[in-house]
């Protein structure tokens, strides 16, 4: 038996903001191993990040975090730079950033499905319902973790189980989120 965990970082960020705390990914990994009674866990982490020079703050910490996940915890980190789209409005030009990783997550979940019996998704995105349904038809167990304010009704009931991440024990949570000074 094996477990693959698919973390949609942008979706999970919303839960962390609601909780006011960062997840401790080392403790989260231990929680998954204990909950599903399996030490054979592979974790995929999907994220998009701002391009250098687009923020008033240093992004080095974010890249160090990705390295920690990869080298420190053995996660498979899939990342890409946010795409910047210029949009003309009545008020003038605005820049919108997009960094959706749903396709990458879906491809990995299908491509590596021969390696696991149980899929665990940290996302509440209704777009994943087709993937969840596909995996269940292939005989996989599928569990969803998201937050009550960020889970689609379809995904909440589409898997073999749903857990509200905001209700997880405090031992998976890390330090408090502090807002950057303006």
N, C-alpha and C. Protein backbone atom coordinates (compact mmCIF):
# COMPACT_ATOMS: atom_id res chain seq x y z
N UNK A 1 0.85 -1.18 0.00
CA UNK A 1 0.00 0.00 0.00
C UNK A 1 0.89 1.24 0.00
N UNK A 2 0.47 2.27 -0.68
CA UNK A 2 1.23 3.51 -0.73
C UNK A 2 0.25 4.68 -0.84
N UNK A 3 0.73 5.83 -0.44
CA UNK A 3 -0.08 7.05 -0.45
C UNK A 3 0.65 8.12 -1.24
N UNK A 4 -0.10 8.84 -2.09
CA UNK A 4 0.44 10.04 -2.72
C UNK A 4 -0.41 11.22 -2.27
N UNK A 5 0.28 12.28 -1.87
CA UNK A 5 -0.36 13.49 -1.39
C UNK A 5 -0.11 14.59 -2.42
N UNK A 6 -1.17 15.30 -2.79
CA UNK A 6 -1.09 16.36 -3.78
C UNK A 6 -1.53 17.67 -3.11
N UNK A 7 -0.58 18.58 -2.95
CA UNK A 7 -0.84 19.83 -2.24
C UNK A 7 -0.94 20.98 -3.24
N UNK A 8 -2.12 21.57 -3.31
CA UNK A 8 -2.38 22.77 -4.11
C UNK A 8 -2.06 23.95 -3.19
N UNK A 9 -0.84 24.49 -3.31
CA UNK A 9 -0.35 25.48 -2.35
C UNK A 9 -1.22 26.73 -2.28
N UNK A 10 -1.72 27.20 -3.41
CA UNK A 10 -2.53 28.42 -3.37
C UNK A 10 -3.84 28.18 -2.63
N UNK A 11 -4.44 27.02 -2.81
CA UNK A 11 -5.66 26.69 -2.10
C UNK A 11 -5.39 26.52 -0.60
N UNK A 12 -4.29 25.88 -0.30
CA UNK A 12 -3.93 25.65 1.10
C UNK A 12 -3.55 26.95 1.80
N UNK A 13 -3.00 27.90 1.05
CA UNK A 13 -2.65 29.20 1.61
C UNK A 13 -3.89 29.90 2.18
N UNK A 14 -5.02 29.76 1.50
CA UNK A 14 -6.26 30.37 1.99
C UNK A 14 -6.64 29.81 3.36
N UNK A 15 -6.45 28.51 3.55
CA UNK A 15 -6.75 27.89 4.85
C UNK A 15 -5.77 28.39 5.92
N UNK A 16 -4.50 28.52 5.55
CA UNK A 16 -3.51 29.00 6.50
C UNK A 16 -3.82 30.43 6.94
N UNK A 17 -4.23 31.27 5.98
CA UNK A 17 -4.59 32.64 6.32
C UNK A 17 -5.80 32.66 7.26
N UNK A 18 -6.79 31.80 6.99
CA UNK A 18 -7.97 31.73 7.85
C UNK A 18 -7.59 31.29 9.26
N UNK A 19 -6.64 30.38 9.37
CA UNK A 19 -6.19 29.88 10.68
C UNK A 19 -5.26 30.88 11.37
N UNK A 20 -4.55 31.70 10.54
CA UNK A 20 -3.59 32.64 11.10
C UNK A 20 -2.27 32.00 11.45
N UNK A 21 -2.04 30.80 10.93
CA UNK A 21 -0.82 30.05 11.21
C UNK A 21 -0.33 29.37 9.93
N UNK A 22 0.98 29.17 9.88
CA UNK A 22 1.56 28.38 8.80
C UNK A 22 1.43 26.91 9.16
N UNK A 23 1.27 26.07 8.16
CA UNK A 23 1.35 24.63 8.40
C UNK A 23 2.81 24.27 8.63
N UNK A 24 3.04 23.31 9.48
CA UNK A 24 4.36 22.74 9.66
C UNK A 24 4.36 21.46 8.80
N UNK A 25 5.04 21.50 7.66
CA UNK A 25 4.95 20.40 6.70
C UNK A 25 5.61 19.13 7.19
N UNK A 26 6.58 19.25 8.05
CA UNK A 26 7.19 18.05 8.64
C UNK A 26 6.16 17.34 9.52
N UNK A 27 5.46 18.11 10.33
CA UNK A 27 4.42 17.54 11.20
C UNK A 27 3.23 17.05 10.38
N UNK A 28 2.91 17.76 9.29
CA UNK A 28 1.82 17.33 8.42
C UNK A 28 2.13 15.97 7.80
N UNK A 29 3.36 15.77 7.38
CA UNK A 29 3.78 14.49 6.82
C UNK A 29 3.62 13.37 7.86
N UNK A 30 4.05 13.64 9.09
CA UNK A 30 3.89 12.65 10.17
C UNK A 30 2.41 12.36 10.43
N UNK A 31 1.58 13.40 10.37
CA UNK A 31 0.14 13.25 10.57
C UNK A 31 -0.45 12.32 9.51
N UNK A 32 -0.08 12.53 8.25
CA UNK A 32 -0.59 11.70 7.14
C UNK A 32 -0.17 10.24 7.35
N UNK A 33 1.09 10.02 7.70
CA UNK A 33 1.57 8.65 7.93
C UNK A 33 0.79 7.98 9.04
N UNK A 34 0.51 8.71 10.11
CA UNK A 34 -0.24 8.15 11.23
C UNK A 34 -1.71 7.94 10.88
N UNK A 35 -2.34 8.92 10.26
CA UNK A 35 -3.78 8.83 9.94
C UNK A 35 -4.07 7.66 9.01
N UNK A 36 -3.22 7.46 8.01
CA UNK A 36 -3.47 6.42 7.02
C UNK A 36 -2.67 5.14 7.30
N UNK A 37 -1.99 5.11 8.43
CA UNK A 37 -1.26 3.91 8.87
C UNK A 37 -0.34 3.37 7.78
N UNK A 38 0.45 4.29 7.21
CA UNK A 38 1.35 3.90 6.13
C UNK A 38 2.56 4.83 6.13
N UNK A 39 3.74 4.27 6.09
CA UNK A 39 4.97 5.06 6.07
C UNK A 39 5.42 5.38 4.65
N UNK A 40 4.82 4.72 3.67
CA UNK A 40 5.19 4.91 2.27
C UNK A 40 4.35 6.05 1.67
N UNK A 41 4.83 7.28 1.88
CA UNK A 41 4.09 8.47 1.46
C UNK A 41 4.97 9.31 0.54
N UNK A 42 4.41 9.66 -0.61
CA UNK A 42 5.08 10.55 -1.54
C UNK A 42 4.24 11.83 -1.62
N UNK A 43 4.90 12.99 -1.45
CA UNK A 43 4.18 14.26 -1.43
C UNK A 43 4.59 15.12 -2.61
N UNK A 44 3.59 15.61 -3.34
CA UNK A 44 3.77 16.55 -4.44
C UNK A 44 3.26 17.91 -3.96
N UNK A 45 4.03 18.95 -4.23
CA UNK A 45 3.68 20.30 -3.79
C UNK A 45 3.68 21.20 -5.03
N UNK A 46 2.55 21.86 -5.31
CA UNK A 46 2.37 22.67 -6.53
C UNK A 46 2.21 24.14 -6.16
N UNK A 47 3.05 24.98 -6.77
CA UNK A 47 2.98 26.40 -6.44
C UNK A 47 3.46 27.26 -7.59
N UNK A 48 2.98 28.47 -7.61
CA UNK A 48 3.48 29.50 -8.53
C UNK A 48 4.04 30.61 -7.66
N UNK A 49 5.06 31.27 -8.16
CA UNK A 49 5.74 32.28 -7.35
C UNK A 49 5.95 33.55 -8.18
N UNK A 50 6.07 34.69 -7.51
CA UNK A 50 6.26 35.96 -8.23
C UNK A 50 7.62 36.03 -8.90
N UNK A 51 7.67 36.71 -10.02
CA UNK A 51 8.94 36.92 -10.73
C UNK A 51 9.80 37.88 -9.90
N UNK A 52 11.11 37.70 -10.01
CA UNK A 52 12.04 38.63 -9.34
C UNK A 52 11.75 40.05 -9.81
N UNK A 53 11.81 40.98 -8.89
CA UNK A 53 11.61 42.38 -9.22
C UNK A 53 10.16 42.83 -9.25
N UNK A 54 9.22 41.91 -8.98
CA UNK A 54 7.81 42.29 -9.00
C UNK A 54 7.25 42.57 -7.61
N UNK A 55 8.08 42.40 -6.60
CA UNK A 55 7.65 42.62 -5.23
C UNK A 55 8.63 43.57 -4.54
N UNK A 56 8.14 44.25 -3.53
CA UNK A 56 8.99 45.16 -2.77
C UNK A 56 9.80 44.42 -1.71
N UNK A 57 9.60 43.14 -1.59
CA UNK A 57 10.30 42.34 -0.60
C UNK A 57 11.13 41.26 -1.30
N UNK A 58 12.07 40.71 -0.57
CA UNK A 58 12.98 39.70 -1.08
C UNK A 58 12.27 38.34 -1.16
N UNK A 59 12.44 37.65 -2.27
CA UNK A 59 11.80 36.35 -2.48
C UNK A 59 12.72 35.17 -2.13
N UNK A 60 13.90 35.46 -1.63
CA UNK A 60 14.86 34.40 -1.33
C UNK A 60 14.30 33.39 -0.32
N UNK A 61 13.56 33.87 0.67
CA UNK A 61 12.97 32.97 1.67
C UNK A 61 12.02 31.97 1.07
N UNK A 62 11.26 32.40 0.08
CA UNK A 62 10.32 31.50 -0.60
C UNK A 62 11.09 30.38 -1.31
N UNK A 63 12.18 30.73 -1.97
CA UNK A 63 12.97 29.72 -2.68
C UNK A 63 13.68 28.78 -1.70
N UNK A 64 14.09 29.30 -0.56
CA UNK A 64 14.69 28.45 0.48
C UNK A 64 13.66 27.46 1.01
N UNK A 65 12.42 27.93 1.14
CA UNK A 65 11.33 27.06 1.59
C UNK A 65 11.12 25.91 0.60
N UNK A 66 11.11 26.22 -0.70
CA UNK A 66 10.95 25.17 -1.72
C UNK A 66 12.10 24.16 -1.62
N UNK A 67 13.32 24.64 -1.40
CA UNK A 67 14.48 23.76 -1.25
C UNK A 67 14.33 22.88 -0.02
N UNK A 68 13.83 23.45 1.08
CA UNK A 68 13.59 22.66 2.30
C UNK A 68 12.58 21.54 2.03
N UNK A 69 11.49 21.88 1.35
CA UNK A 69 10.49 20.85 1.05
C UNK A 69 11.10 19.73 0.23
N UNK A 70 11.90 20.11 -0.77
CA UNK A 70 12.50 19.13 -1.69
C UNK A 70 13.61 18.32 -1.02
N UNK A 71 14.59 19.00 -0.48
CA UNK A 71 15.76 18.31 0.06
C UNK A 71 15.58 17.88 1.51
N UNK A 72 14.88 18.70 2.28
CA UNK A 72 14.70 18.38 3.69
C UNK A 72 13.63 17.35 3.96
N UNK A 73 12.53 17.43 3.22
CA UNK A 73 11.40 16.53 3.47
C UNK A 73 11.18 15.51 2.36
N UNK A 74 11.87 15.67 1.23
CA UNK A 74 11.73 14.71 0.13
C UNK A 74 10.48 14.92 -0.71
N UNK A 75 9.86 16.08 -0.63
CA UNK A 75 8.69 16.39 -1.45
C UNK A 75 9.13 16.56 -2.91
N UNK A 76 8.21 16.31 -3.81
CA UNK A 76 8.40 16.65 -5.21
C UNK A 76 7.74 18.01 -5.39
N UNK A 77 8.55 19.02 -5.69
CA UNK A 77 8.06 20.39 -5.79
C UNK A 77 7.91 20.76 -7.26
N UNK A 78 6.69 21.10 -7.63
CA UNK A 78 6.40 21.57 -8.99
C UNK A 78 6.08 23.06 -8.85
N UNK A 79 6.87 23.88 -9.51
CA UNK A 79 6.67 25.32 -9.39
C UNK A 79 6.85 26.00 -10.73
N UNK A 80 6.23 27.16 -10.83
CA UNK A 80 6.41 27.97 -12.02
C UNK A 80 6.20 29.43 -11.63
N UNK A 81 6.79 30.28 -12.44
CA UNK A 81 6.67 31.71 -12.22
C UNK A 81 5.26 32.16 -12.57
N UNK A 82 4.72 33.06 -11.77
CA UNK A 82 3.41 33.63 -12.07
C UNK A 82 3.44 34.31 -13.44
N UNK A 83 2.42 34.09 -14.21
CA UNK A 83 2.29 34.74 -15.51
C UNK A 83 1.68 36.12 -15.27
N UNK A 84 2.28 37.15 -15.84
CA UNK A 84 1.80 38.52 -15.68
C UNK A 84 1.05 38.94 -16.94
N UNK A 85 -0.21 39.32 -16.75
CA UNK A 85 -1.07 39.68 -17.87
C UNK A 85 -1.49 41.14 -17.71
N UNK A 86 -1.25 41.90 -18.75
CA UNK A 86 -1.62 43.31 -18.76
C UNK A 86 -3.06 43.44 -19.25
N UNK A 87 -3.88 44.14 -18.47
CA UNK A 87 -5.29 44.33 -18.81
C UNK A 87 -5.60 45.82 -18.81
N UNK A 88 -6.20 46.28 -19.89
CA UNK A 88 -6.60 47.69 -19.98
C UNK A 88 -8.02 47.83 -19.45
N UNK A 89 -8.20 48.74 -18.50
CA UNK A 89 -9.51 49.02 -17.93
C UNK A 89 -9.80 50.50 -18.10
N UNK A 90 -10.99 50.91 -17.72
CA UNK A 90 -11.34 52.33 -17.78
C UNK A 90 -10.45 53.15 -16.87
N UNK A 91 -9.98 52.55 -15.78
CA UNK A 91 -9.10 53.25 -14.84
C UNK A 91 -7.65 53.23 -15.30
N UNK A 92 -7.33 52.51 -16.32
CA UNK A 92 -5.96 52.39 -16.82
C UNK A 92 -5.51 50.95 -16.86
N UNK A 93 -4.24 50.76 -17.08
CA UNK A 93 -3.68 49.41 -17.19
C UNK A 93 -3.46 48.81 -15.80
N UNK A 94 -3.86 47.55 -15.66
CA UNK A 94 -3.57 46.81 -14.43
C UNK A 94 -2.86 45.52 -14.83
N UNK A 95 -2.10 44.99 -13.89
CA UNK A 95 -1.40 43.73 -14.12
C UNK A 95 -2.07 42.66 -13.26
N UNK A 96 -2.51 41.61 -13.93
CA UNK A 96 -3.09 40.47 -13.23
C UNK A 96 -2.07 39.35 -13.28
N UNK A 97 -1.96 38.60 -12.19
CA UNK A 97 -1.03 37.48 -12.15
C UNK A 97 -1.81 36.18 -12.04
N UNK A 98 -1.37 35.19 -12.81
CA UNK A 98 -2.00 33.87 -12.78
C UNK A 98 -0.92 32.82 -12.65
N UNK A 99 -1.24 31.80 -11.88
CA UNK A 99 -0.28 30.72 -11.69
C UNK A 99 -0.95 29.41 -11.38
N UNK A 100 -2.01 29.10 -12.07
CA UNK A 100 -2.77 27.89 -11.82
C UNK A 100 -1.92 26.64 -12.11
N UNK A 101 -1.94 25.71 -11.17
CA UNK A 101 -1.16 24.47 -11.31
C UNK A 101 -2.05 23.24 -11.42
N UNK A 102 -3.34 23.44 -11.71
CA UNK A 102 -4.29 22.32 -11.75
C UNK A 102 -3.92 21.26 -12.78
N UNK A 103 -3.46 21.69 -13.94
CA UNK A 103 -3.12 20.73 -15.00
C UNK A 103 -1.91 19.88 -14.56
N UNK A 104 -0.90 20.52 -14.01
CA UNK A 104 0.30 19.79 -13.57
C UNK A 104 -0.07 18.77 -12.49
N UNK A 105 -0.91 19.18 -11.55
CA UNK A 105 -1.33 18.28 -10.48
C UNK A 105 -2.10 17.09 -11.07
N UNK A 106 -3.01 17.36 -11.97
CA UNK A 106 -3.81 16.30 -12.58
C UNK A 106 -2.94 15.31 -13.36
N UNK A 107 -2.01 15.83 -14.13
CA UNK A 107 -1.11 14.95 -14.89
C UNK A 107 -0.33 14.04 -13.95
N UNK A 108 0.23 14.60 -12.89
CA UNK A 108 0.99 13.78 -11.94
C UNK A 108 0.10 12.74 -11.26
N UNK A 109 -1.10 13.14 -10.85
CA UNK A 109 -2.00 12.20 -10.17
C UNK A 109 -2.33 11.01 -11.07
N UNK A 110 -2.50 11.25 -12.35
CA UNK A 110 -2.79 10.16 -13.28
C UNK A 110 -1.51 9.39 -13.63
N UNK A 111 -0.44 10.12 -13.96
CA UNK A 111 0.81 9.48 -14.38
C UNK A 111 1.38 8.56 -13.30
N UNK A 112 1.32 8.98 -12.04
CA UNK A 112 1.90 8.19 -10.96
C UNK A 112 0.88 7.29 -10.26
N UNK A 113 -0.32 7.17 -10.81
CA UNK A 113 -1.38 6.42 -10.13
C UNK A 113 -1.04 4.94 -9.93
N UNK A 114 -0.17 4.39 -10.73
CA UNK A 114 0.24 3.00 -10.55
C UNK A 114 1.10 2.82 -9.29
N UNK A 115 1.59 3.93 -8.72
CA UNK A 115 2.47 3.87 -7.55
C UNK A 115 1.73 3.97 -6.22
N UNK A 116 0.45 4.30 -6.24
CA UNK A 116 -0.26 4.48 -4.97
C UNK A 116 -1.64 3.84 -4.99
N UNK A 117 -2.13 3.55 -3.78
CA UNK A 117 -3.48 3.02 -3.58
C UNK A 117 -4.42 4.11 -3.08
N UNK A 118 -3.84 5.11 -2.40
CA UNK A 118 -4.62 6.18 -1.78
C UNK A 118 -4.06 7.52 -2.23
N UNK A 119 -4.96 8.40 -2.68
CA UNK A 119 -4.59 9.77 -3.04
C UNK A 119 -5.19 10.70 -2.00
N UNK A 120 -4.36 11.65 -1.56
CA UNK A 120 -4.81 12.65 -0.60
C UNK A 120 -4.60 14.01 -1.25
N UNK A 121 -5.69 14.76 -1.38
CA UNK A 121 -5.63 16.08 -2.00
C UNK A 121 -5.82 17.16 -0.95
N UNK A 122 -4.92 18.12 -0.95
CA UNK A 122 -5.07 19.32 -0.15
C UNK A 122 -5.51 20.42 -1.11
N UNK A 123 -6.80 20.47 -1.36
CA UNK A 123 -7.40 21.45 -2.25
C UNK A 123 -8.91 21.37 -2.10
N UNK A 124 -9.57 22.46 -2.39
CA UNK A 124 -11.03 22.47 -2.35
C UNK A 124 -11.62 22.80 -3.70
N UNK A 125 -10.79 22.81 -4.71
CA UNK A 125 -11.16 23.25 -6.05
C UNK A 125 -12.08 22.24 -6.75
N UNK A 126 -13.27 22.69 -7.13
CA UNK A 126 -14.25 21.83 -7.81
C UNK A 126 -13.70 21.25 -9.11
N UNK A 127 -12.71 21.91 -9.72
CA UNK A 127 -12.14 21.40 -10.96
C UNK A 127 -11.54 20.01 -10.79
N UNK A 128 -11.20 19.62 -9.57
CA UNK A 128 -10.59 18.32 -9.34
C UNK A 128 -11.61 17.19 -9.21
N UNK A 129 -12.90 17.49 -9.26
CA UNK A 129 -13.91 16.45 -9.12
C UNK A 129 -13.77 15.39 -10.21
N UNK A 130 -13.52 15.79 -11.45
CA UNK A 130 -13.35 14.81 -12.53
C UNK A 130 -12.16 13.90 -12.25
N UNK A 131 -11.08 14.45 -11.73
CA UNK A 131 -9.90 13.65 -11.38
C UNK A 131 -10.23 12.67 -10.25
N UNK A 132 -10.89 13.16 -9.23
CA UNK A 132 -11.28 12.31 -8.09
C UNK A 132 -12.16 11.15 -8.58
N UNK A 133 -13.13 11.46 -9.43
CA UNK A 133 -14.02 10.44 -9.97
C UNK A 133 -13.24 9.42 -10.79
N UNK A 134 -12.33 9.88 -11.62
CA UNK A 134 -11.49 9.00 -12.43
C UNK A 134 -10.67 8.05 -11.54
N UNK A 135 -10.02 8.61 -10.53
CA UNK A 135 -9.18 7.78 -9.65
C UNK A 135 -10.01 6.76 -8.89
N UNK A 136 -11.19 7.15 -8.44
CA UNK A 136 -12.05 6.21 -7.74
C UNK A 136 -12.48 5.07 -8.67
N UNK A 137 -12.77 5.39 -9.94
CA UNK A 137 -13.13 4.35 -10.91
C UNK A 137 -11.97 3.38 -11.13
N UNK A 138 -10.75 3.87 -10.94
CA UNK A 138 -9.56 3.03 -11.10
C UNK A 138 -9.24 2.25 -9.82
N UNK A 139 -10.13 2.35 -8.82
CA UNK A 139 -9.96 1.57 -7.59
C UNK A 139 -9.14 2.26 -6.51
N UNK A 140 -8.87 3.54 -6.67
CA UNK A 140 -8.10 4.29 -5.68
C UNK A 140 -9.02 4.84 -4.60
N UNK A 141 -8.51 4.92 -3.39
CA UNK A 141 -9.18 5.65 -2.32
C UNK A 141 -8.73 7.10 -2.45
N UNK A 142 -9.66 8.04 -2.26
CA UNK A 142 -9.35 9.45 -2.43
C UNK A 142 -9.90 10.24 -1.24
N UNK A 143 -9.01 10.99 -0.59
CA UNK A 143 -9.39 11.80 0.56
C UNK A 143 -9.06 13.26 0.30
N UNK A 144 -9.94 14.12 0.75
CA UNK A 144 -9.81 15.55 0.51
C UNK A 144 -9.61 16.28 1.83
N UNK A 145 -8.64 17.19 1.86
CA UNK A 145 -8.43 18.09 2.98
C UNK A 145 -8.52 19.51 2.44
N UNK A 146 -9.39 20.30 3.04
CA UNK A 146 -9.51 21.70 2.67
C UNK A 146 -10.13 22.40 3.87
N UNK A 147 -10.58 23.63 3.68
CA UNK A 147 -11.23 24.33 4.78
C UNK A 147 -12.68 24.60 4.43
N UNK A 148 -13.49 24.71 5.47
CA UNK A 148 -14.94 24.87 5.27
C UNK A 148 -15.29 26.07 4.39
N UNK A 149 -14.43 27.09 4.41
CA UNK A 149 -14.72 28.28 3.61
C UNK A 149 -14.03 28.24 2.25
N UNK A 150 -13.42 27.11 1.91
CA UNK A 150 -12.69 27.05 0.64
C UNK A 150 -12.87 25.70 -0.06
N UNK A 151 -13.95 25.00 0.25
CA UNK A 151 -14.18 23.69 -0.36
C UNK A 151 -15.46 23.75 -1.19
N UNK A 152 -15.40 23.21 -2.39
CA UNK A 152 -16.62 23.13 -3.20
C UNK A 152 -17.49 21.99 -2.67
N UNK A 153 -18.78 22.16 -2.80
CA UNK A 153 -19.73 21.13 -2.35
C UNK A 153 -19.45 19.81 -3.08
N UNK A 154 -19.18 19.92 -4.39
CA UNK A 154 -18.95 18.72 -5.20
C UNK A 154 -17.72 17.95 -4.72
N UNK A 155 -16.64 18.64 -4.45
CA UNK A 155 -15.41 17.96 -4.04
C UNK A 155 -15.55 17.42 -2.62
N UNK A 156 -16.24 18.16 -1.78
CA UNK A 156 -16.43 17.73 -0.38
C UNK A 156 -17.07 16.34 -0.30
N UNK A 157 -18.00 16.07 -1.20
CA UNK A 157 -18.71 14.79 -1.17
C UNK A 157 -18.23 13.80 -2.22
N UNK A 158 -17.29 14.20 -3.08
CA UNK A 158 -16.87 13.36 -4.19
C UNK A 158 -15.85 12.30 -3.83
N UNK A 159 -15.12 12.48 -2.75
CA UNK A 159 -14.08 11.52 -2.39
C UNK A 159 -14.58 10.48 -1.41
N UNK A 160 -13.64 9.74 -0.86
CA UNK A 160 -13.97 8.73 0.16
C UNK A 160 -14.00 9.33 1.55
N UNK A 161 -13.58 10.57 1.67
CA UNK A 161 -13.60 11.24 2.95
C UNK A 161 -13.14 12.67 2.81
N UNK A 162 -13.66 13.52 3.67
CA UNK A 162 -13.30 14.94 3.69
C UNK A 162 -12.94 15.33 5.11
N UNK A 163 -11.89 16.13 5.27
CA UNK A 163 -11.52 16.67 6.57
C UNK A 163 -11.28 18.16 6.42
N UNK A 164 -11.80 18.91 7.37
CA UNK A 164 -11.57 20.35 7.41
C UNK A 164 -10.21 20.58 8.05
N UNK A 165 -9.29 21.10 7.27
CA UNK A 165 -7.93 21.30 7.75
C UNK A 165 -7.87 22.25 8.94
N UNK A 166 -8.82 23.17 9.03
CA UNK A 166 -8.83 24.11 10.14
C UNK A 166 -9.14 23.42 11.46
N UNK A 167 -9.71 22.21 11.39
CA UNK A 167 -10.03 21.46 12.60
C UNK A 167 -8.98 20.43 12.97
N UNK A 168 -7.89 20.37 12.20
CA UNK A 168 -6.82 19.42 12.54
C UNK A 168 -6.17 19.84 13.85
N UNK A 169 -5.61 18.88 14.52
CA UNK A 169 -4.94 19.13 15.79
C UNK A 169 -3.89 20.23 15.64
N UNK A 170 -3.67 20.95 16.72
CA UNK A 170 -2.71 22.04 16.70
C UNK A 170 -1.29 21.58 16.37
N UNK A 171 -1.01 20.28 16.54
CA UNK A 171 0.37 19.83 16.32
C UNK A 171 0.79 19.80 14.86
N UNK A 172 -0.11 20.06 13.89
CA UNK A 172 0.31 20.18 12.49
C UNK A 172 0.55 21.64 12.12
N UNK A 173 0.21 22.53 13.02
CA UNK A 173 0.35 23.96 12.74
C UNK A 173 1.65 24.47 13.30
N UNK A 174 2.21 25.45 12.61
CA UNK A 174 3.49 26.04 13.01
C UNK A 174 3.29 27.44 13.57
N UNK A 175 4.20 28.29 13.18
CA UNK A 175 4.21 29.65 13.73
C UNK A 175 3.08 30.50 13.17
N UNK A 176 2.81 31.59 13.88
CA UNK A 176 1.77 32.53 13.47
C UNK A 176 2.18 33.25 12.18
N UNK A 177 1.20 33.57 11.36
CA UNK A 177 1.43 34.37 10.17
C UNK A 177 1.48 35.83 10.60
N UNK A 178 2.53 36.50 10.21
CA UNK A 178 2.66 37.93 10.50
C UNK A 178 2.60 38.68 9.19
N UNK A 179 1.85 39.75 9.18
CA UNK A 179 1.74 40.56 7.96
C UNK A 179 3.03 41.36 7.75
N UNK A 180 3.42 41.48 6.49
CA UNK A 180 4.59 42.31 6.14
C UNK A 180 4.25 43.77 6.39
N UNK A 181 5.21 44.54 6.89
CA UNK A 181 4.95 45.97 7.01
C UNK A 181 4.80 46.59 5.62
N UNK A 182 3.85 47.49 5.51
CA UNK A 182 3.59 48.15 4.21
C UNK A 182 4.71 49.09 3.83
